[in-house]
C-alpha cells in the first residue's frame, strides 16, 4: 500500500500517483504482475477531547504483485518498500491452475491406489478376492493457499514458504467373491 497525506485531495492524489508509478515500474522490472486492489481518497482527522481536527487528505493505493518466482518474494517486498510503498499487508502463496490440476490428479491416483490396497487386505482377511469396481466417487480434495502476515520489513527480507499439502479422499465400492 502507498499512503500519502497532503493538505488537499489533489496534492495527495498527485503525490500518490508519482510514488505508485515508481513502485509499479520497479516491481514490473522484476517481472512481477502488478494490479490495483483498492484506491481510496479521504479526509483524515485527529480526534481529541476538543473534537476532530483535519490533518489533510489521505490517498491509499493498494496493489497486488504476483510473481511465478517464489525465490523472489523477499526481493519483491524490499523493492516495493524501497520504491515508496508504506505498508505490506500479507503474502499469499498459491500454485498455478496447471500445477493444481496436476497435484489433484496425483492425489486422487494415490487415494485410489490406497483404497484398492486396503480393500485387497480386507478381502484377503475374508478369504475373498476383489472381482471389480462397483462405484467410485471423490469424497474430498483439499488444497489451501496460505498467507504469511507481513511483519517488520527490513533489507533482504527472508521469506520461507511452508510446504504445501494436497490431499484427496475417494470412496470406492468393490465387488468381492
N, C-alpha and C. Protein backbone atom coordinates (compact mmCIF):
# COMPACT_ATOMS: atom_id res chain seq x y z
N UNK A 1 0.85 -1.18 0.00
CA UNK A 1 0.00 0.00 0.00
C UNK A 1 0.89 1.23 0.00
N UNK A 2 0.49 2.21 -0.80
CA UNK A 2 1.16 3.50 -0.82
C UNK A 2 0.17 4.49 -0.22
N UNK A 3 0.56 5.12 0.89
CA UNK A 3 -0.31 6.12 1.50
C UNK A 3 0.40 7.47 1.50
N UNK A 4 -0.32 8.48 1.06
CA UNK A 4 0.19 9.85 1.10
C UNK A 4 -0.84 10.73 1.79
N UNK A 5 -0.37 11.70 2.55
CA UNK A 5 -1.25 12.65 3.22
C UNK A 5 -0.76 14.05 2.87
N UNK A 6 -1.64 14.85 2.31
CA UNK A 6 -1.33 16.23 1.93
C UNK A 6 -2.51 17.13 2.35
N UNK A 7 -2.30 18.41 2.26
CA UNK A 7 -3.30 19.38 2.70
C UNK A 7 -4.59 19.36 1.91
N UNK A 8 -4.53 18.94 0.65
CA UNK A 8 -5.77 18.85 -0.13
C UNK A 8 -5.76 17.56 -0.95
N UNK A 9 -6.92 17.19 -1.43
CA UNK A 9 -7.08 15.91 -2.12
C UNK A 9 -6.24 15.85 -3.39
N UNK A 10 -6.17 16.94 -4.14
CA UNK A 10 -5.41 16.97 -5.40
C UNK A 10 -3.93 16.69 -5.15
N UNK A 11 -3.34 17.39 -4.17
CA UNK A 11 -1.91 17.18 -3.87
C UNK A 11 -1.64 15.76 -3.37
N UNK A 12 -2.55 15.25 -2.55
CA UNK A 12 -2.39 13.88 -2.04
C UNK A 12 -2.46 12.87 -3.18
N UNK A 13 -3.41 13.06 -4.07
CA UNK A 13 -3.59 12.16 -5.23
C UNK A 13 -2.36 12.23 -6.14
N UNK A 14 -1.87 13.43 -6.41
CA UNK A 14 -0.72 13.59 -7.31
C UNK A 14 0.54 12.96 -6.72
N UNK A 15 0.79 13.18 -5.44
CA UNK A 15 1.96 12.59 -4.79
C UNK A 15 1.86 11.07 -4.81
N UNK A 16 0.66 10.56 -4.53
CA UNK A 16 0.46 9.12 -4.52
C UNK A 16 0.66 8.53 -5.92
N UNK A 17 0.19 9.23 -6.93
CA UNK A 17 0.35 8.75 -8.31
C UNK A 17 1.83 8.62 -8.67
N UNK A 18 2.64 9.60 -8.27
CA UNK A 18 4.08 9.55 -8.57
C UNK A 18 4.75 8.36 -7.88
N UNK A 19 4.46 8.17 -6.59
CA UNK A 19 5.07 7.07 -5.85
C UNK A 19 4.56 5.73 -6.38
N UNK A 20 3.25 5.65 -6.65
CA UNK A 20 2.67 4.40 -7.16
C UNK A 20 3.31 4.00 -8.48
N UNK A 21 3.58 4.98 -9.32
CA UNK A 21 4.23 4.69 -10.61
C UNK A 21 5.64 4.14 -10.39
N UNK A 22 6.37 4.72 -9.43
CA UNK A 22 7.72 4.24 -9.12
C UNK A 22 7.68 2.80 -8.60
N UNK A 23 6.75 2.52 -7.70
CA UNK A 23 6.62 1.18 -7.15
C UNK A 23 6.25 0.19 -8.26
N UNK A 24 5.26 0.55 -9.06
CA UNK A 24 4.80 -0.35 -10.13
C UNK A 24 5.93 -0.61 -11.13
N UNK A 25 6.64 0.42 -11.55
CA UNK A 25 7.73 0.24 -12.52
C UNK A 25 8.83 -0.66 -11.95
N UNK A 26 9.17 -0.46 -10.67
CA UNK A 26 10.23 -1.26 -10.05
C UNK A 26 9.82 -2.73 -9.95
N UNK A 27 8.56 -2.98 -9.60
CA UNK A 27 8.09 -4.36 -9.48
C UNK A 27 7.98 -5.03 -10.85
N UNK A 28 7.50 -4.29 -11.84
CA UNK A 28 7.40 -4.84 -13.19
C UNK A 28 8.78 -5.14 -13.76
N UNK A 29 9.79 -4.36 -13.37
CA UNK A 29 11.17 -4.62 -13.80
C UNK A 29 11.67 -5.96 -13.24
N UNK A 30 11.02 -6.44 -12.18
CA UNK A 30 11.36 -7.75 -11.59
C UNK A 30 10.46 -8.86 -12.15
N UNK A 31 9.72 -8.55 -13.22
CA UNK A 31 8.79 -9.48 -13.86
C UNK A 31 7.60 -9.84 -12.97
N UNK A 32 7.24 -8.95 -12.07
CA UNK A 32 6.03 -9.16 -11.25
C UNK A 32 4.86 -8.50 -11.98
N UNK A 33 3.72 -9.16 -11.94
CA UNK A 33 2.49 -8.60 -12.49
C UNK A 33 1.87 -7.73 -11.40
N UNK A 34 1.58 -6.48 -11.69
CA UNK A 34 1.07 -5.54 -10.69
C UNK A 34 -0.35 -5.12 -11.05
N UNK A 35 -1.25 -5.21 -10.07
CA UNK A 35 -2.64 -4.81 -10.26
C UNK A 35 -3.11 -4.00 -9.06
N UNK A 36 -4.01 -3.06 -9.31
CA UNK A 36 -4.60 -2.29 -8.23
C UNK A 36 -5.66 -3.14 -7.54
N UNK A 37 -5.56 -3.21 -6.22
CA UNK A 37 -6.56 -3.94 -5.43
C UNK A 37 -7.61 -2.97 -4.90
N UNK A 38 -7.16 -1.79 -4.43
CA UNK A 38 -8.10 -0.77 -3.98
C UNK A 38 -7.44 0.60 -4.08
N UNK A 39 -8.27 1.63 -4.15
CA UNK A 39 -7.78 3.01 -4.24
C UNK A 39 -8.79 3.90 -3.52
N UNK A 40 -8.32 4.65 -2.53
CA UNK A 40 -9.21 5.49 -1.73
C UNK A 40 -8.58 6.86 -1.48
N UNK A 41 -9.43 7.88 -1.50
CA UNK A 41 -9.04 9.24 -1.09
C UNK A 41 -10.06 9.68 -0.06
N UNK A 42 -9.56 10.15 1.10
CA UNK A 42 -10.48 10.57 2.14
C UNK A 42 -9.80 11.60 3.03
N UNK A 43 -10.64 12.42 3.67
CA UNK A 43 -10.10 13.39 4.63
C UNK A 43 -9.74 12.66 5.91
N UNK A 44 -8.56 12.97 6.44
CA UNK A 44 -8.06 12.31 7.65
C UNK A 44 -8.17 13.28 8.82
N UNK A 45 -8.60 12.75 9.96
CA UNK A 45 -8.81 13.59 11.14
C UNK A 45 -8.00 13.08 12.32
N UNK A 46 -7.61 14.03 13.18
CA UNK A 46 -7.06 13.72 14.50
C UNK A 46 -8.20 13.97 15.48
N UNK A 47 -8.46 13.03 16.32
CA UNK A 47 -9.56 13.16 17.28
C UNK A 47 -8.99 13.40 18.67
N UNK A 48 -9.45 14.47 19.30
CA UNK A 48 -9.04 14.79 20.67
C UNK A 48 -10.29 15.08 21.48
N UNK A 49 -10.09 15.39 22.73
CA UNK A 49 -11.23 15.73 23.59
C UNK A 49 -11.90 17.02 23.13
N UNK A 50 -11.17 17.81 22.35
CA UNK A 50 -11.73 19.07 21.84
C UNK A 50 -12.48 18.87 20.53
N UNK A 51 -12.45 17.65 20.00
CA UNK A 51 -13.16 17.38 18.75
C UNK A 51 -12.22 16.91 17.66
N UNK A 52 -12.75 16.87 16.46
CA UNK A 52 -11.98 16.40 15.31
C UNK A 52 -11.31 17.56 14.60
N UNK A 53 -10.04 17.33 14.24
CA UNK A 53 -9.28 18.35 13.50
C UNK A 53 -8.71 17.69 12.24
N UNK A 54 -8.98 18.29 11.09
CA UNK A 54 -8.48 17.74 9.82
C UNK A 54 -6.96 17.84 9.79
N UNK A 55 -6.32 16.73 9.39
CA UNK A 55 -4.86 16.74 9.22
C UNK A 55 -4.50 16.65 7.74
N UNK A 56 -5.50 16.66 6.88
CA UNK A 56 -5.26 16.62 5.45
C UNK A 56 -6.04 15.50 4.78
N UNK A 57 -5.64 15.24 3.55
CA UNK A 57 -6.31 14.22 2.77
C UNK A 57 -5.36 13.05 2.52
N UNK A 58 -5.87 11.87 2.76
CA UNK A 58 -5.08 10.66 2.60
C UNK A 58 -5.49 9.96 1.31
N UNK A 59 -4.51 9.54 0.55
CA UNK A 59 -4.75 8.71 -0.62
C UNK A 59 -4.07 7.38 -0.36
N UNK A 60 -4.83 6.31 -0.49
CA UNK A 60 -4.28 4.96 -0.28
C UNK A 60 -4.48 4.14 -1.54
N UNK A 61 -3.38 3.65 -2.07
CA UNK A 61 -3.39 2.83 -3.28
C UNK A 61 -2.80 1.47 -2.90
N UNK A 62 -3.65 0.46 -2.87
CA UNK A 62 -3.21 -0.89 -2.53
C UNK A 62 -3.06 -1.69 -3.80
N UNK A 63 -1.86 -2.26 -3.96
CA UNK A 63 -1.54 -3.04 -5.16
C UNK A 63 -1.30 -4.50 -4.79
N UNK A 64 -1.47 -5.36 -5.77
CA UNK A 64 -1.12 -6.76 -5.65
C UNK A 64 0.00 -7.02 -6.65
N UNK A 65 1.08 -7.64 -6.19
CA UNK A 65 2.18 -8.03 -7.07
C UNK A 65 2.22 -9.55 -7.11
N UNK A 66 2.22 -10.10 -8.32
CA UNK A 66 2.22 -11.55 -8.50
C UNK A 66 3.47 -11.96 -9.26
N UNK A 67 4.13 -12.99 -8.76
CA UNK A 67 5.33 -13.50 -9.42
C UNK A 67 5.31 -15.02 -9.40
N UNK A 68 5.81 -15.63 -10.47
CA UNK A 68 5.92 -17.08 -10.53
C UNK A 68 7.22 -17.55 -9.88
N UNK A 69 8.11 -16.61 -9.58
CA UNK A 69 9.41 -16.94 -8.99
C UNK A 69 9.31 -16.81 -7.47
N UNK A 70 9.07 -17.94 -6.80
CA UNK A 70 8.88 -17.93 -5.35
C UNK A 70 10.13 -17.42 -4.62
N UNK A 71 11.29 -17.62 -5.22
CA UNK A 71 12.55 -17.18 -4.61
C UNK A 71 12.67 -15.65 -4.57
N UNK A 72 11.86 -14.96 -5.37
CA UNK A 72 11.96 -13.50 -5.43
C UNK A 72 11.06 -12.79 -4.43
N UNK A 73 10.31 -13.53 -3.61
CA UNK A 73 9.35 -12.91 -2.69
C UNK A 73 10.01 -11.86 -1.80
N UNK A 74 11.13 -12.17 -1.19
CA UNK A 74 11.82 -11.21 -0.32
C UNK A 74 12.29 -9.98 -1.07
N UNK A 75 12.83 -10.19 -2.27
CA UNK A 75 13.30 -9.05 -3.08
C UNK A 75 12.13 -8.18 -3.53
N UNK A 76 10.98 -8.80 -3.81
CA UNK A 76 9.80 -8.03 -4.20
C UNK A 76 9.36 -7.14 -3.05
N UNK A 77 9.35 -7.67 -1.84
CA UNK A 77 9.00 -6.87 -0.66
C UNK A 77 9.96 -5.70 -0.52
N UNK A 78 11.25 -5.99 -0.57
CA UNK A 78 12.26 -4.93 -0.42
C UNK A 78 12.12 -3.87 -1.49
N UNK A 79 11.90 -4.31 -2.73
CA UNK A 79 11.77 -3.37 -3.85
C UNK A 79 10.55 -2.48 -3.67
N UNK A 80 9.43 -3.06 -3.26
CA UNK A 80 8.21 -2.27 -3.06
C UNK A 80 8.43 -1.20 -1.98
N UNK A 81 8.99 -1.60 -0.84
CA UNK A 81 9.21 -0.65 0.25
C UNK A 81 10.26 0.39 -0.14
N UNK A 82 11.36 -0.06 -0.76
CA UNK A 82 12.42 0.87 -1.18
C UNK A 82 11.94 1.86 -2.23
N UNK A 83 10.91 1.48 -3.01
CA UNK A 83 10.38 2.36 -4.05
C UNK A 83 9.29 3.29 -3.55
N UNK A 84 8.88 3.14 -2.28
CA UNK A 84 7.91 4.08 -1.72
C UNK A 84 6.66 3.48 -1.11
N UNK A 85 6.47 2.17 -1.21
CA UNK A 85 5.30 1.58 -0.55
C UNK A 85 5.44 1.81 0.96
N UNK A 86 4.33 2.12 1.61
CA UNK A 86 4.37 2.44 3.04
C UNK A 86 3.94 1.30 3.94
N UNK A 87 3.30 0.28 3.38
CA UNK A 87 2.93 -0.88 4.19
C UNK A 87 2.74 -2.09 3.30
N UNK A 88 2.81 -3.25 3.93
CA UNK A 88 2.63 -4.52 3.25
C UNK A 88 1.64 -5.32 4.09
N UNK A 89 0.56 -5.76 3.48
CA UNK A 89 -0.50 -6.42 4.23
C UNK A 89 -0.25 -7.91 4.44
N UNK A 90 0.03 -8.66 3.40
CA UNK A 90 0.26 -10.09 3.54
C UNK A 90 0.89 -10.63 2.26
N UNK A 91 1.41 -11.84 2.40
CA UNK A 91 1.96 -12.57 1.26
C UNK A 91 1.13 -13.83 1.14
N UNK A 92 0.71 -14.16 -0.06
CA UNK A 92 -0.08 -15.36 -0.28
C UNK A 92 0.64 -16.23 -1.30
N UNK A 93 0.82 -17.49 -0.96
CA UNK A 93 1.45 -18.43 -1.85
C UNK A 93 0.38 -19.33 -2.44
N UNK A 94 0.30 -19.38 -3.76
CA UNK A 94 -0.65 -20.24 -4.44
C UNK A 94 0.08 -20.97 -5.57
N UNK A 95 -0.52 -22.02 -6.07
CA UNK A 95 0.05 -22.70 -7.22
C UNK A 95 -0.78 -22.34 -8.45
N UNK A 96 -0.17 -22.46 -9.61
CA UNK A 96 -0.88 -22.16 -10.86
C UNK A 96 -2.00 -23.18 -11.06
N UNK A 97 -2.96 -22.84 -11.89
CA UNK A 97 -4.08 -23.75 -12.18
C UNK A 97 -3.56 -25.06 -12.75
N UNK A 98 -2.56 -24.97 -13.63
CA UNK A 98 -1.99 -26.18 -14.23
C UNK A 98 -1.35 -27.07 -13.16
N UNK A 99 -0.59 -26.46 -12.26
CA UNK A 99 0.07 -27.22 -11.19
C UNK A 99 -0.98 -27.80 -10.24
N UNK A 100 -2.02 -27.03 -9.92
CA UNK A 100 -3.07 -27.53 -9.05
C UNK A 100 -3.76 -28.74 -9.67
N UNK A 101 -4.04 -28.67 -10.98
CA UNK A 101 -4.67 -29.81 -11.66
C UNK A 101 -3.77 -31.04 -11.61
N UNK A 102 -2.46 -30.85 -11.81
CA UNK A 102 -1.52 -31.96 -11.76
C UNK A 102 -1.48 -32.57 -10.35
N UNK A 103 -1.43 -31.71 -9.33
CA UNK A 103 -1.40 -32.18 -7.95
C UNK A 103 -2.69 -32.91 -7.58
N UNK A 104 -3.81 -32.39 -8.05
CA UNK A 104 -5.10 -33.03 -7.77
C UNK A 104 -5.15 -34.41 -8.39
N UNK A 105 -4.75 -34.51 -9.64
CA UNK A 105 -4.75 -35.81 -10.33
C UNK A 105 -3.87 -36.81 -9.59
N UNK A 106 -2.70 -36.38 -9.19
CA UNK A 106 -1.77 -37.25 -8.47
C UNK A 106 -2.35 -37.69 -7.12
N UNK A 107 -2.96 -36.74 -6.40
CA UNK A 107 -3.54 -37.06 -5.09
C UNK A 107 -4.70 -38.04 -5.24
N UNK A 108 -5.52 -37.87 -6.27
CA UNK A 108 -6.63 -38.79 -6.50
C UNK A 108 -6.12 -40.19 -6.89
N UNK A 109 -5.07 -40.24 -7.70
CA UNK A 109 -4.48 -41.52 -8.07
C UNK A 109 -3.95 -42.23 -6.82
N UNK A 110 -3.24 -41.48 -5.97
CA UNK A 110 -2.71 -42.07 -4.74
C UNK A 110 -3.83 -42.57 -3.83
N UNK A 111 -4.89 -41.78 -3.70
CA UNK A 111 -6.02 -42.17 -2.84
C UNK A 111 -6.70 -43.42 -3.39
N UNK A 112 -6.81 -43.52 -4.70
CA UNK A 112 -7.44 -44.68 -5.33
C UNK A 112 -6.59 -45.93 -5.13
N UNK A 113 -5.28 -45.81 -5.29
CA UNK A 113 -4.38 -46.95 -5.06
C UNK A 113 -4.45 -47.39 -3.61
N UNK A 114 -4.50 -46.43 -2.70
CA UNK A 114 -4.60 -46.74 -1.28
C UNK A 114 -5.90 -47.47 -0.98
N UNK A 115 -7.00 -47.03 -1.61
CA UNK A 115 -8.30 -47.69 -1.40
C UNK A 115 -8.24 -49.14 -1.88
N UNK A 116 -7.61 -49.35 -3.03
CA UNK A 116 -7.51 -50.72 -3.56
C UNK A 116 -6.66 -51.60 -2.65
N UNK A 117 -5.53 -51.06 -2.17
CA UNK A 117 -4.65 -51.82 -1.27
C UNK A 117 -5.39 -52.21 0.00
N UNK A 118 -6.13 -51.30 0.57
CA UNK A 118 -6.90 -51.59 1.78
C UNK A 118 -7.99 -52.62 1.51
N UNK A 119 -8.67 -52.46 0.36
CA UNK A 119 -9.74 -53.40 0.02
C UNK A 119 -9.17 -54.81 -0.19
N UNK A 120 -8.00 -54.91 -0.82
CA UNK A 120 -7.38 -56.21 -1.03
C UNK A 120 -7.01 -56.86 0.31
N UNK A 121 -6.52 -56.07 1.24
CA UNK A 121 -6.19 -56.59 2.58
C UNK A 121 -7.44 -57.10 3.29
N UNK A 122 -8.51 -56.35 3.19
CA UNK A 122 -9.77 -56.75 3.83
C UNK A 122 -10.31 -58.02 3.17
N UNK A 123 -10.28 -58.05 1.85
CA UNK A 123 -10.78 -59.23 1.13
C UNK A 123 -9.96 -60.46 1.50
N UNK A 124 -8.66 -60.30 1.61
CA UNK A 124 -7.78 -61.42 1.99
C UNK A 124 -8.17 -61.94 3.38
N UNK A 125 -8.44 -61.04 4.30
CA UNK A 125 -8.87 -61.44 5.64
C UNK A 125 -10.19 -62.17 5.63
N UNK A 126 -10.98 -61.96 4.60
CA UNK A 126 -12.27 -62.65 4.46
C UNK A 126 -12.18 -63.87 3.55
N UNK A 127 -10.96 -64.23 3.15
CA UNK A 127 -10.73 -65.33 2.19
C UNK A 127 -11.51 -65.09 0.91
N UNK A 128 -11.48 -63.86 0.45
CA UNK A 128 -12.18 -63.48 -0.78
C UNK A 128 -11.21 -62.75 -1.70
N UNK A 129 -11.68 -62.48 -2.92
CA UNK A 129 -10.88 -61.73 -3.88
C UNK A 129 -11.72 -60.61 -4.46
N UNK A 130 -11.03 -59.53 -4.82
CA UNK A 130 -11.72 -58.42 -5.48
C UNK A 130 -12.01 -58.81 -6.92
N UNK A 131 -13.25 -58.64 -7.35
CA UNK A 131 -13.67 -59.00 -8.71
C UNK A 131 -13.81 -57.80 -9.62
N UNK A 132 -13.89 -56.63 -9.06
CA UNK A 132 -14.04 -55.43 -9.88
C UNK A 132 -14.52 -54.26 -9.04
N UNK A 133 -14.71 -53.15 -9.70
CA UNK A 133 -15.15 -51.92 -9.03
C UNK A 133 -16.63 -51.72 -9.30
N UNK A 134 -17.38 -51.52 -8.23
CA UNK A 134 -18.82 -51.24 -8.36
C UNK A 134 -19.05 -49.76 -8.60
N UNK A 135 -18.38 -48.90 -7.79
CA UNK A 135 -18.54 -47.45 -7.97
C UNK A 135 -17.35 -46.72 -7.35
N UNK A 136 -17.12 -45.54 -7.84
CA UNK A 136 -16.04 -44.69 -7.32
C UNK A 136 -16.57 -43.26 -7.28
N UNK A 137 -16.26 -42.57 -6.17
CA UNK A 137 -16.61 -41.15 -6.10
C UNK A 137 -15.53 -40.41 -5.32
N UNK A 138 -15.36 -39.19 -5.67
CA UNK A 138 -14.40 -38.34 -4.94
C UNK A 138 -15.10 -37.80 -3.71
N UNK A 139 -14.54 -38.06 -2.54
CA UNK A 139 -15.12 -37.58 -1.30
C UNK A 139 -14.66 -36.15 -1.03
N UNK A 140 -13.36 -35.94 -1.15
CA UNK A 140 -12.86 -34.59 -0.92
C UNK A 140 -11.51 -34.42 -1.60
N UNK A 141 -11.24 -33.18 -1.88
CA UNK A 141 -9.94 -32.78 -2.42
C UNK A 141 -9.61 -31.49 -1.70
N UNK A 142 -8.40 -31.37 -1.20
CA UNK A 142 -8.07 -30.20 -0.40
C UNK A 142 -6.73 -29.61 -0.81
N UNK A 143 -6.79 -28.37 -1.20
CA UNK A 143 -5.60 -27.56 -1.44
C UNK A 143 -5.95 -26.17 -0.95
N UNK A 144 -5.19 -25.67 0.00
CA UNK A 144 -5.45 -24.33 0.52
C UNK A 144 -4.24 -23.45 0.31
N UNK A 145 -4.42 -22.34 -0.41
CA UNK A 145 -3.32 -21.38 -0.44
C UNK A 145 -3.16 -20.85 0.98
N UNK A 146 -1.99 -20.41 1.32
CA UNK A 146 -1.79 -19.90 2.67
C UNK A 146 -1.15 -18.53 2.63
N UNK A 147 -1.45 -17.77 3.65
CA UNK A 147 -0.95 -16.41 3.75
C UNK A 147 0.08 -16.31 4.86
N UNK A 148 1.00 -15.43 4.64
CA UNK A 148 2.02 -15.14 5.64
C UNK A 148 1.84 -13.67 6.00
N UNK A 149 1.62 -13.38 7.27
CA UNK A 149 1.48 -11.99 7.69
C UNK A 149 2.79 -11.26 7.47
N UNK A 150 2.70 -10.06 6.99
CA UNK A 150 3.90 -9.26 6.77
C UNK A 150 4.23 -8.50 8.05
N UNK A 151 5.30 -8.87 8.67
CA UNK A 151 5.74 -8.22 9.91
C UNK A 151 6.66 -7.06 9.54
N UNK A 152 7.61 -6.76 10.38
CA UNK A 152 8.55 -5.69 10.11
C UNK A 152 9.33 -6.01 8.84
N UNK A 153 9.51 -5.01 8.03
CA UNK A 153 10.20 -5.18 6.77
C UNK A 153 11.60 -4.62 6.89
N UNK A 154 12.59 -5.39 6.47
CA UNK A 154 13.96 -4.95 6.52
C UNK A 154 14.63 -5.34 5.21
N UNK A 155 15.86 -4.90 5.00
CA UNK A 155 16.57 -5.22 3.77
C UNK A 155 16.73 -6.73 3.64
N UNK A 156 16.71 -7.20 2.41
CA UNK A 156 16.86 -8.63 2.13
C UNK A 156 15.92 -9.46 3.00
N UNK A 157 14.66 -9.12 2.95
CA UNK A 157 13.65 -9.79 3.76
C UNK A 157 13.63 -11.28 3.46
N UNK A 158 13.90 -12.12 4.48
CA UNK A 158 13.86 -13.57 4.24
C UNK A 158 12.42 -14.07 4.28
N UNK A 159 12.03 -14.81 3.26
CA UNK A 159 10.70 -15.39 3.19
C UNK A 159 10.88 -16.89 3.03
N UNK A 160 10.28 -17.66 3.91
CA UNK A 160 10.40 -19.11 3.86
C UNK A 160 9.01 -19.72 3.77
N UNK A 161 8.52 -19.98 2.55
CA UNK A 161 7.19 -20.55 2.43
C UNK A 161 7.11 -21.95 3.01
N UNK A 162 5.92 -22.30 3.51
CA UNK A 162 5.69 -23.62 4.06
C UNK A 162 5.55 -24.63 2.92
N UNK A 163 5.67 -25.91 3.28
CA UNK A 163 5.36 -26.96 2.32
C UNK A 163 3.85 -26.96 2.11
N UNK A 164 3.44 -27.12 0.89
CA UNK A 164 2.03 -27.15 0.54
C UNK A 164 1.56 -28.59 0.59
N UNK A 165 0.45 -28.84 1.26
CA UNK A 165 -0.09 -30.20 1.35
C UNK A 165 -1.36 -30.29 0.53
N UNK A 166 -1.42 -31.30 -0.31
CA UNK A 166 -2.59 -31.56 -1.13
C UNK A 166 -3.11 -32.92 -0.73
N UNK A 167 -4.40 -33.00 -0.41
CA UNK A 167 -4.99 -34.28 -0.01
C UNK A 167 -6.23 -34.57 -0.83
N UNK A 168 -6.52 -35.86 -0.97
CA UNK A 168 -7.73 -36.28 -1.67
C UNK A 168 -8.25 -37.54 -0.98
N UNK A 169 -9.56 -37.69 -0.98
CA UNK A 169 -10.19 -38.90 -0.47
C UNK A 169 -11.16 -39.39 -1.52
N UNK A 170 -11.18 -40.72 -1.69
CA UNK A 170 -12.13 -41.32 -2.62
C UNK A 170 -12.91 -42.40 -1.88
N UNK A 171 -14.10 -42.65 -2.36
CA UNK A 171 -14.92 -43.72 -1.83
C UNK A 171 -15.07 -44.74 -2.96
N UNK A 172 -14.59 -45.95 -2.73
CA UNK A 172 -14.63 -46.99 -3.76
C UNK A 172 -15.37 -48.19 -3.20
N UNK A 173 -16.33 -48.69 -3.98
CA UNK A 173 -17.01 -49.92 -3.63
C UNK A 173 -16.55 -50.99 -4.60
N UNK A 174 -16.06 -52.12 -4.05
CA UNK A 174 -15.56 -53.21 -4.87
C UNK A 174 -16.52 -54.39 -4.82
N UNK A 175 -16.53 -55.16 -5.89
CA UNK A 175 -17.19 -56.46 -5.88
C UNK A 175 -16.17 -57.46 -5.36
N UNK A 176 -16.59 -58.33 -4.44
CA UNK A 176 -15.68 -59.37 -3.96
C UNK A 176 -16.34 -60.72 -4.15
N UNK A 177 -15.50 -61.75 -4.22
CA UNK A 177 -16.01 -63.11 -4.39
C UNK A 177 -15.23 -64.01 -3.46
